[in-house]
């Protein structure tokens, strides 16, 4: 199973909700994944969790002083750098 991050979705999630709400959503989705659900449902939940975690990380970068656009670029480069390894 491979989940891909979607930067436009991460941006919208970042803009739409504070990190506490995003984390609460991740917690609910993780609990959902522990239930007896279909593979397709796991794929959708995994994709959502991936993008939510990206938005949480962008919040952290902005909190540490980066502008939104720079935080999104930094996050994207970090992910792409880890893929290249």
Protein backbone atom coordinates (compact mmCIF):
# COMPACT_ATOMS: atom_id res chain seq x y z
CA UNK A 1 0.00 0.00 0.00
CA UNK A 2 1.45 3.35 -1.03
CA UNK A 3 -0.06 6.66 0.01
CA UNK A 4 0.73 9.82 -1.83
CA UNK A 5 0.69 13.28 -0.38
CA UNK A 6 -1.22 15.92 -2.25
CA UNK A 7 0.16 19.39 -1.60
CA UNK A 8 -3.03 21.28 -2.62
CA UNK A 9 -5.04 19.14 -0.19
CA UNK A 10 -2.45 19.64 2.55
CA UNK A 11 -2.65 23.40 1.97
CA UNK A 12 -6.46 23.38 2.25
CA UNK A 13 -6.36 21.25 5.41
CA UNK A 14 -3.72 23.56 6.91
CA UNK A 15 -5.88 26.61 6.15
CA UNK A 16 -9.13 24.99 7.30
CA UNK A 17 -8.30 23.69 10.76
CA UNK A 18 -5.92 24.12 13.69
CA UNK A 19 -3.47 21.29 14.40
CA UNK A 20 -5.50 20.06 17.38
CA UNK A 21 -8.52 19.38 15.19
CA UNK A 22 -6.37 17.77 12.51
CA UNK A 23 -4.80 15.48 15.13
CA UNK A 24 -8.22 14.55 16.50
CA UNK A 25 -9.26 13.56 12.99
CA UNK A 26 -6.11 11.45 12.59
CA UNK A 27 -6.92 9.72 15.88
CA UNK A 28 -10.44 8.86 14.70
CA UNK A 29 -9.19 7.57 11.35
CA UNK A 30 -6.53 5.45 13.03
CA UNK A 31 -9.21 3.91 15.27
CA UNK A 32 -11.32 3.28 12.17
CA UNK A 33 -8.39 1.48 10.53
CA UNK A 34 -8.15 -0.88 13.48
CA UNK A 35 -11.69 -2.09 12.82
CA UNK A 36 -12.55 -4.86 10.40
CA UNK A 37 -12.80 -2.71 7.25
CA UNK A 38 -12.31 -3.37 3.55
CA UNK A 39 -8.96 -2.76 1.85
CA UNK A 40 -10.47 0.06 -0.20
CA UNK A 41 -11.62 1.78 2.99
CA UNK A 42 -8.15 1.36 4.49
CA UNK A 43 -6.64 2.93 1.37
CA UNK A 44 -8.91 5.97 1.63
CA UNK A 45 -8.28 6.36 5.36
CA UNK A 46 -4.52 6.00 4.81
CA UNK A 47 -4.56 8.69 2.14
CA UNK A 48 -6.48 11.01 4.47
CA UNK A 49 -4.11 10.32 7.38
CA UNK A 50 -1.10 11.04 5.15
CA UNK A 51 -2.46 14.42 4.09
CA UNK A 52 -3.66 15.34 7.58
CA UNK A 53 -0.21 14.59 9.02
CA UNK A 54 1.30 16.76 6.31
CA UNK A 55 -0.97 19.65 7.31
CA UNK A 56 -0.02 19.17 10.96
CA UNK A 57 3.65 19.35 10.03
CA UNK A 58 3.06 22.53 7.99
CA UNK A 59 1.38 24.06 11.07
CA UNK A 60 4.51 23.22 13.08
CA UNK A 61 6.80 24.80 10.47
CA UNK A 62 4.69 27.98 10.43
CA UNK A 63 4.69 28.04 14.24
CA UNK A 64 8.49 27.93 14.07
CA UNK A 65 8.59 31.04 11.88
CA UNK A 66 8.17 30.02 8.25
CA UNK A 67 5.61 31.64 5.99
CA UNK A 68 2.87 29.30 4.73
CA UNK A 69 4.33 29.02 1.23
CA UNK A 70 7.82 28.37 2.57
CA UNK A 71 6.48 25.80 5.03
CA UNK A 72 4.66 23.97 2.24
CA UNK A 73 7.79 24.00 0.07
CA UNK A 74 9.98 22.83 2.95
CA UNK A 75 7.59 20.00 3.73
CA UNK A 76 7.39 18.99 0.07
CA UNK A 77 11.18 18.96 -0.28
CA UNK A 78 11.51 16.90 2.90
CA UNK A 79 9.08 14.29 1.57
CA UNK A 80 10.68 14.22 -1.87
CA UNK A 81 14.12 13.93 -0.25
CA UNK A 82 13.01 10.93 1.79
CA UNK A 83 11.62 9.27 -1.34
CA UNK A 84 14.92 9.69 -3.16
CA UNK A 85 16.82 7.80 -0.47
